[in-house]
Protein backbone atom coordinates (compact mmCIF):
# COMPACT_ATOMS: atom_id res chain seq x y z
CA MET A 1 30.11 -73.34 -54.10
CA CYS A 2 32.51 -73.83 -51.16
CA LEU A 3 35.06 -71.54 -52.79
CA SER A 4 32.50 -68.77 -53.33
CA ARG A 5 31.37 -68.99 -49.70
CA LEU A 6 34.95 -68.74 -48.48
CA CYS A 7 35.60 -65.71 -50.70
CA CYS A 8 32.43 -64.05 -49.36
CA ILE A 9 33.87 -64.26 -45.85
CA ARG A 10 37.47 -63.36 -46.73
CA PHE A 11 37.95 -61.15 -49.78
CA GLU A 12 41.70 -61.79 -49.81
CA GLY A 13 40.87 -65.37 -50.79
CA CYS A 14 39.86 -64.07 -54.23
CA ARG A 15 43.52 -63.47 -55.05
CA LEU A 16 44.32 -67.13 -54.40
CA LEU A 17 41.92 -68.08 -57.18
CA GLY A 18 44.21 -66.48 -59.74
CA ALA A 19 44.02 -66.54 -63.52
CA GLU A 20 43.63 -70.31 -63.75
CA GLY A 21 40.66 -70.36 -61.41
CA THR A 22 39.08 -67.40 -63.21
CA ARG A 23 39.37 -69.24 -66.53
CA MET A 24 37.78 -72.31 -64.95
CA ILE A 25 34.81 -70.26 -63.73
CA PHE A 26 34.59 -68.69 -67.19
CA THR A 27 34.44 -72.18 -68.74
CA TYR A 28 31.56 -73.21 -66.49
CA LEU A 29 29.83 -69.94 -67.28
CA MET A 30 30.10 -70.73 -71.00
CA CYS A 31 28.50 -74.13 -70.32
CA LEU A 32 25.62 -72.38 -68.56
CA GLN A 33 25.29 -70.01 -71.51
CA THR A 34 25.12 -72.99 -73.88
CA GLU A 35 22.31 -74.58 -71.89
CA LEU A 36 20.31 -71.37 -71.62
CA CYS A 37 20.91 -69.71 -74.98
CA ASP A 38 21.42 -72.58 -77.42
CA GLN A 39 18.36 -74.54 -76.36
CA GLU A 40 14.71 -73.50 -76.11
CA HIS A 41 13.71 -75.08 -72.82
CA LEU A 42 12.33 -71.74 -71.64
CA PHE A 43 9.76 -71.63 -74.44
CA ASN A 44 8.86 -75.33 -74.58
CA SER A 45 8.09 -75.71 -70.89
CA ASP A 46 4.57 -75.92 -69.54
CA TRP A 47 4.28 -72.90 -67.25
CA THR A 48 1.13 -74.26 -65.62
CA LYS A 49 3.27 -77.00 -64.04
CA PRO A 50 6.18 -75.33 -62.27
CA GLU A 51 7.15 -78.57 -60.53
CA GLN A 52 7.85 -80.11 -63.96
CA LEU A 53 10.12 -77.18 -64.81
CA PHE A 54 12.05 -77.55 -61.56
CA GLU A 55 12.51 -81.31 -61.99
CA ASN A 56 13.76 -80.98 -65.57
CA TRP A 57 16.07 -78.08 -64.76
CA ARG A 58 17.40 -79.22 -61.37
CA PRO A 59 21.02 -79.84 -62.54
CA LEU A 60 21.03 -76.60 -64.52
CA ILE A 61 19.64 -74.61 -61.61
CA GLU A 62 22.30 -76.01 -59.29
CA MET A 63 25.03 -75.17 -61.81
CA ALA A 64 23.62 -71.66 -62.28
CA ILE A 65 23.61 -71.01 -58.52
CA CYS A 66 27.19 -72.22 -58.14
CA VAL A 67 28.61 -70.42 -61.17
CA ILE A 68 26.88 -67.08 -60.59
CA GLY A 69 27.84 -67.23 -56.91
CA ALA A 70 31.45 -67.90 -57.86
CA VAL A 71 31.50 -64.99 -60.31
CA GLN A 72 30.02 -62.65 -57.72
CA SER A 73 32.29 -63.70 -54.85
CA CYS A 74 35.57 -64.74 -56.49
CA VAL A 75 35.72 -62.57 -59.61
CA ALA A 76 33.73 -59.38 -59.07
CA ASN A 77 35.46 -58.59 -55.77
CA CYS A 78 39.03 -58.86 -57.11
CA ASN A 79 40.51 -56.35 -59.56
CA GLU A 80 42.88 -58.84 -61.23
CA ASN A 81 40.27 -61.57 -61.63
CA ARG A 82 37.63 -59.10 -62.76
CA THR A 83 39.92 -57.59 -65.42
CA LEU A 84 40.76 -61.02 -66.84
CA PHE A 85 37.10 -62.05 -66.70
CA VAL A 86 36.06 -59.00 -68.75
CA GLN A 87 38.89 -59.56 -71.24
CA LEU A 88 37.73 -63.14 -71.79
CA GLY A 89 34.23 -61.86 -72.60
CA GLY A 90 32.60 -62.89 -69.35
CA PHE A 91 30.54 -59.73 -69.07
CA THR A 92 28.96 -60.39 -72.47
CA ILE A 93 28.17 -63.95 -71.42
CA LEU A 94 26.42 -62.65 -68.30
CA LEU A 95 24.27 -60.46 -70.55
CA ASN A 96 23.59 -63.46 -72.79
CA ILE A 97 22.45 -65.43 -69.74
CA LEU A 98 20.29 -62.54 -68.57
CA GLU A 99 18.55 -62.21 -71.94
CA PRO A 100 16.74 -65.61 -72.03
CA LEU A 101 15.65 -65.13 -68.43
CA MET A 102 14.12 -61.77 -69.31
CA ARG A 103 12.58 -63.27 -72.46
CA CYS A 104 11.07 -65.89 -70.20
CA ILE A 105 9.49 -63.17 -68.05
CA VAL A 106 8.21 -61.37 -71.15
CA THR A 107 6.70 -64.59 -72.52
CA ILE A 108 4.86 -65.27 -69.27
CA LEU A 109 3.63 -61.66 -69.09
CA ASP A 110 2.24 -61.88 -72.61
CA LYS A 111 0.37 -65.11 -71.90
CA ASP A 112 -0.73 -64.70 -68.30
CA ASP A 113 -1.95 -61.32 -67.00
CA PRO A 114 -2.34 -62.36 -63.33
CA VAL A 115 1.43 -62.61 -62.93
CA ILE A 116 1.63 -58.81 -63.22
CA ARG A 117 0.54 -58.65 -59.59
CA GLU A 118 3.45 -60.88 -58.60
CA LEU A 119 5.83 -58.80 -60.71
CA VAL A 120 4.76 -55.59 -58.96
CA SER A 121 4.87 -57.11 -55.47
CA TRP A 122 8.31 -58.70 -55.90
CA ARG A 123 11.05 -57.34 -53.61
CA GLY A 124 14.75 -58.09 -53.85
CA ALA A 125 16.58 -59.76 -50.98
CA LYS A 126 19.72 -57.60 -51.21
CA PRO A 127 19.99 -53.79 -51.45
CA LEU A 128 21.25 -52.31 -54.69
CA PRO A 129 24.48 -50.30 -54.71
CA LEU A 130 24.15 -46.53 -54.76
CA VAL A 131 24.65 -44.69 -58.03
CA PRO A 132 28.27 -43.44 -58.10
CA ILE A 133 29.06 -39.73 -58.28
CA ARG A 134 30.78 -38.52 -61.43
CA GLU A 135 33.58 -36.33 -60.13
CA SER A 136 34.62 -35.26 -63.64
CA ILE A 137 31.40 -33.29 -64.10
CA PHE A 138 32.41 -30.91 -61.28
CA LYS A 139 35.36 -29.84 -63.42
CA ALA A 140 33.00 -28.43 -66.03
CA LYS A 141 33.74 -25.34 -68.04
CA GLY A 142 32.39 -21.87 -67.33
CA SER A 143 28.74 -21.52 -66.36
CA ASP A 144 27.91 -20.00 -69.73
CA GLU A 145 29.10 -23.14 -71.50
CA ILE A 146 27.30 -25.72 -69.35
CA THR A 147 24.77 -27.70 -71.37
CA MET A 148 21.44 -28.93 -70.08
CA GLU A 149 22.85 -32.47 -69.82
CA GLU A 150 25.75 -31.23 -67.67
CA GLN A 151 23.38 -29.15 -65.55
CA LEU A 152 21.26 -32.24 -64.94
CA GLU A 153 24.31 -34.32 -64.01
CA ILE A 154 25.58 -31.62 -61.64
CA ARG A 155 22.21 -31.36 -59.89
CA LEU A 156 22.07 -35.15 -59.61
CA ASN A 157 25.55 -35.31 -58.12
CA GLU A 158 24.70 -32.57 -55.62
CA TYR A 159 21.60 -34.49 -54.61
CA ARG A 160 23.52 -37.77 -54.25
CA LEU A 161 26.09 -36.10 -51.98
CA VAL A 162 23.49 -35.31 -49.33
CA ASN A 163 21.07 -38.19 -49.93
CA SER A 164 22.53 -41.66 -49.51
CA THR A 165 19.42 -43.54 -48.41
CA GLN A 166 18.52 -46.77 -50.20
CA ASN A 167 14.98 -47.42 -51.32
CA GLU A 168 13.31 -50.81 -51.50
CA VAL A 169 14.38 -53.13 -54.30
CA ASN A 170 11.34 -53.66 -56.50
CA ILE A 171 11.28 -54.85 -60.11
CA VAL A 172 11.47 -51.30 -61.50
CA ALA A 173 14.46 -50.35 -59.34
CA PHE A 174 16.21 -53.60 -60.25
CA LEU A 175 15.74 -53.12 -64.00
CA CYS A 176 16.78 -49.46 -63.73
CA HIS A 177 19.98 -50.53 -61.96
CA CYS A 178 20.74 -53.08 -64.71
CA TRP A 179 20.00 -50.44 -67.32
CA ARG A 180 22.41 -47.89 -65.82
CA VAL A 181 25.20 -50.41 -65.32
CA ASN A 182 25.02 -51.69 -68.89
CA GLN A 183 24.34 -48.38 -70.64
CA GLU A 184 27.93 -47.16 -70.37
CA LYS A 185 29.25 -50.48 -71.65
CA VAL A 186 26.87 -50.35 -74.60
CA ASN A 187 27.87 -46.78 -75.43
CA GLU A 188 31.54 -47.76 -75.46
CA PHE A 189 30.76 -50.70 -77.73
CA LEU A 190 28.77 -48.54 -80.15
CA ASP A 191 31.54 -45.93 -80.30
CA GLU A 192 34.07 -48.59 -81.25
CA LYS A 193 31.96 -50.03 -84.07
CA LYS A 194 32.83 -49.11 -87.60
CA THR A 195 30.60 -46.82 -89.59
CA GLU A 196 29.60 -49.47 -92.09
CA ASP A 197 28.54 -51.80 -89.26
CA TRP A 198 26.07 -49.30 -87.80
CA THR A 199 22.55 -50.65 -87.21
CA PRO A 200 19.50 -48.96 -85.65
CA MET A 201 19.33 -51.68 -82.98
CA SER A 202 22.50 -53.50 -81.95
CA GLU A 203 22.57 -56.97 -80.46
CA THR A 204 23.82 -55.57 -77.16
CA GLU A 205 20.63 -53.51 -76.82
CA GLU A 206 18.21 -56.42 -77.02
CA VAL A 207 18.19 -56.66 -73.23
CA PHE A 208 17.04 -53.03 -73.13
CA VAL A 209 14.12 -53.90 -75.39
CA LEU A 210 13.08 -56.65 -72.98
CA ALA A 211 13.38 -54.29 -70.00
CA HIS A 212 11.18 -51.77 -71.84
CA HIS A 213 8.61 -54.47 -72.55
CA ILE A 214 8.46 -55.60 -68.92
CA LEU A 215 8.12 -52.08 -67.53
CA ASN A 216 5.56 -51.18 -70.17
CA ARG A 217 3.28 -53.91 -68.84
CA ILE A 218 3.28 -52.29 -65.38
CA ASN A 219 3.00 -48.68 -66.66
CA PHE A 220 6.68 -48.02 -65.95
CA GLY A 221 6.15 -48.25 -62.19
CA GLU A 222 3.75 -45.31 -62.10
CA ASN A 223 2.48 -46.01 -58.57
CA MET A 224 5.63 -47.61 -57.17
CA LYS A 225 8.10 -46.10 -54.73
CA LEU A 226 11.22 -45.11 -56.65
CA GLY A 227 14.33 -43.10 -55.89
CA ILE A 228 15.35 -40.06 -57.92
CA ASP A 229 17.89 -41.96 -60.02
CA ASP A 230 15.32 -44.64 -60.79
CA GLN A 231 12.69 -42.07 -61.77
CA ILE A 232 15.14 -40.49 -64.21
CA THR A 233 16.19 -43.88 -65.58
CA VAL A 234 12.53 -44.81 -66.11
CA LEU A 235 12.24 -41.79 -68.40
CA ASP A 236 15.16 -43.12 -70.44
CA ILE A 237 13.56 -46.56 -70.67
CA GLU A 238 10.16 -45.12 -71.52
CA ASN A 239 11.60 -43.03 -74.36
CA PHE A 240 14.08 -45.67 -75.55
CA PHE A 241 12.44 -46.32 -78.92
CA LYS A 242 11.87 -42.62 -79.56
CA MET A 243 15.55 -41.91 -78.93
CA LYS A 244 16.51 -44.76 -81.27
CA GLU A 245 14.22 -43.28 -83.91
CA ALA A 246 15.93 -39.90 -83.51
CA ALA A 247 19.37 -41.51 -83.84
CA MET A 248 18.26 -43.29 -87.00
CA LEU A 249 16.97 -40.04 -88.56
CA ILE A 250 20.24 -38.25 -87.84
CA ARG A 251 22.12 -41.21 -89.27
CA VAL A 252 20.07 -41.08 -92.48
CA GLN A 253 20.77 -37.37 -92.82
CA MET A 254 24.52 -37.94 -92.35
CA GLU A 255 24.62 -40.75 -94.91
CA LEU A 256 22.80 -38.62 -97.47
CA LYS A 257 25.42 -35.91 -97.08
CA GLU A 258 28.32 -38.37 -97.20
CA MET A 259 26.98 -40.02 -100.34
CA MET A 260 26.17 -36.61 -101.85
CA ILE A 261 22.56 -37.60 -102.47
CA ILE A 262 20.10 -34.73 -102.79
CA PRO A 263 16.50 -35.88 -102.14
CA ILE A 264 13.51 -34.00 -103.46
CA ARG A 265 12.37 -30.93 -101.54
CA GLU A 266 9.40 -32.67 -99.92
CA ASP A 267 11.60 -35.45 -98.53
CA ILE A 268 14.16 -32.96 -97.22
CA GLN A 269 11.46 -30.95 -95.50
CA GLU A 270 9.92 -34.08 -94.00
CA LEU A 271 13.29 -35.31 -92.73
CA ASP A 272 14.16 -31.91 -91.24
CA HIS A 273 10.74 -31.74 -89.61
CA LEU A 274 11.13 -35.19 -88.02
CA ILE A 275 14.63 -34.35 -86.77
CA GLU A 276 13.35 -31.10 -85.26
CA LEU A 277 10.55 -32.98 -83.51
CA SER A 278 13.09 -35.46 -82.16
CA LYS A 279 15.22 -32.64 -80.77
CA GLU A 280 12.19 -31.07 -79.10
CA ARG A 281 11.25 -34.45 -77.64
CA TYR A 282 14.77 -34.91 -76.29
CA GLU A 283 14.76 -31.44 -74.71
CA ASN A 284 11.38 -32.17 -73.13
CA VAL A 285 12.78 -35.35 -71.60
CA LEU A 286 15.71 -33.39 -70.16
CA LYS A 287 13.32 -30.79 -68.74
CA ARG A 288 11.24 -33.52 -67.12
CA LYS A 289 14.40 -34.93 -65.55
CA LEU A 290 15.34 -31.50 -64.21
CA ASP A 291 11.81 -31.09 -62.85
CA ILE A 292 12.14 -34.41 -61.02
CA ILE A 293 15.43 -33.51 -59.34
CA ASN A 294 14.31 -29.93 -58.54
CA ALA A 295 11.06 -31.20 -57.06
CA ALA A 296 13.01 -33.68 -54.93
CA ILE A 297 15.34 -30.95 -53.67
CA ASP A 298 12.40 -28.65 -52.85
CA ARG A 299 10.57 -31.48 -51.11
CA ASP A 300 13.61 -32.31 -48.99
CA SER A 301 14.04 -28.63 -48.12
CA ARG A 302 10.43 -28.36 -46.97
CA LEU A 303 10.74 -31.58 -45.00
CA GLU A 304 13.92 -30.35 -43.34
CA GLU A 305 12.22 -27.07 -42.47
CA GLU A 306 9.23 -28.90 -40.99
CA ILE A 307 11.52 -31.14 -38.96
CA TYR A 308 13.35 -28.15 -37.45
CA ILE A 309 10.22 -26.04 -36.78
CA LEU A 310 9.34 -27.92 -33.58
CA PRO A 311 12.87 -27.77 -32.04
CA ARG A 312 13.11 -24.06 -32.86
CA GLU A 313 9.71 -23.41 -31.27
CA ILE A 314 10.70 -25.35 -28.16
CA MET A 315 13.97 -23.40 -27.88
CA LYS A 316 12.06 -20.13 -28.28
CA GLN A 317 9.60 -21.05 -25.51
CA ARG A 318 12.46 -22.12 -23.25
CA LYS A 319 14.19 -18.79 -23.83
CA VAL A 320 11.03 -16.84 -22.93
CA ALA A 321 10.49 -18.96 -19.82
CA PHE A 322 14.12 -18.54 -18.76
CA GLU A 323 13.96 -14.77 -19.17
CA GLY A 324 10.72 -14.62 -17.17
CA GLU A 325 12.21 -16.76 -14.41
CA SER A 326 15.37 -14.64 -14.28
CA GLU A 327 13.35 -11.45 -14.03
CA ALA A 328 11.21 -12.90 -11.25
CA LYS A 329 14.30 -13.82 -9.25
CA LEU A 330 15.70 -10.31 -9.68
CA ARG A 331 12.45 -8.73 -8.48
CA THR A 332 12.47 -10.76 -5.27
CA LYS A 333 16.17 -10.96 -4.37
CA ASP A 334 18.25 -8.21 -6.01
CA HIS A 335 18.11 -4.92 -3.98
CA ASN A 336 19.60 -2.78 -6.77
CA TYR A 337 17.14 -4.20 -9.27
CA LEU A 338 14.22 -3.39 -6.94
CA ARG A 339 15.48 0.19 -6.40
CA VAL A 340 15.93 0.83 -10.13
CA SER A 341 12.58 -0.78 -10.94
CA ARG A 342 10.82 1.41 -8.31
CA ALA A 343 12.50 4.56 -9.65
CA LEU A 344 11.35 3.69 -13.19
CA ARG A 345 7.75 3.20 -12.00
CA VAL A 346 7.78 6.52 -10.12
CA HIS A 347 9.20 8.28 -13.17
CA ALA A 348 6.53 6.71 -15.37
CA ASN A 349 3.74 7.77 -12.99
CA GLU A 350 5.00 11.37 -12.84
CA ALA A 351 5.28 11.49 -16.62
CA SER A 352 1.71 10.29 -17.02
CA LYS A 353 0.42 12.89 -14.50
CA SER A 354 2.23 15.70 -16.29
CA ASN A 355 0.59 14.70 -19.54
CA PHE A 356 -2.87 15.11 -18.01
CA ASP A 357 -1.96 18.51 -16.57
């Protein structure tokens, strides 16, 4: 605990921890994983007596606070320590620790509806980091070759460049942040798996299932204030099972071709029909994402225009007043201006008389 507090104040202290200290933190993290994941305290506890839970778990809670704080301060903020920590499998252990906690939330939600109000009203104490900008997407190919996914990513990056405000940290924003951070890791893991080990739902995606279950109970944050990235991520979470179904159908089609199995015509037609529906569903999700980002850009443009209407109107009125004041001064003080102005009036009067004649 003392070491983590020191590293929070001085980041260079993380380097002093070194490989040996990182392995020590990893060992304590494994002990925490054993207590959380290998036992069923979360499901055997009486949730109507929270004081009993706290008394029974006091040593574990203290260890969890110390270990997680040490990982955040001493490991996550140092490239060398973080690399070793990931190589040792520390990131997977963090996910393993997160899973029983989320299962705990799901269990309470299933058994006690009033806690939904507390779930919706919860606010995080620390702001979430902004979604990073993918610079590689700006090096895309010609405009004719840009896919809808790339177009969406480009629009998102353009929006992030000019909008760096942080929204409040509610439960939906927090789960969306966890989803985005872990999604890339999961994709890398799935790409590395062998073909024969493929499964419709991998172990690494169980946390996503729990996140989907939690958000489903609160209607995916329908009436909550969310940023653009969170709104788009909510669409991914909401359609998670449908996307997994589409991946499974494509996988079945590939395996049939690889094994040279020819199903009957009705089965082929049914499979093709389901795959086509999945593609349409995926395109609709992409269109909804584009609609979200386009609506946000239009809304910001209108807001910017409304903000600048008043200053422009004030400047216009000032210009008119200044011109009127300048003309008044010329009429009263400038002899040449008075002479020219009188000549113009005389000329105008003579012209009007000649028209009547």
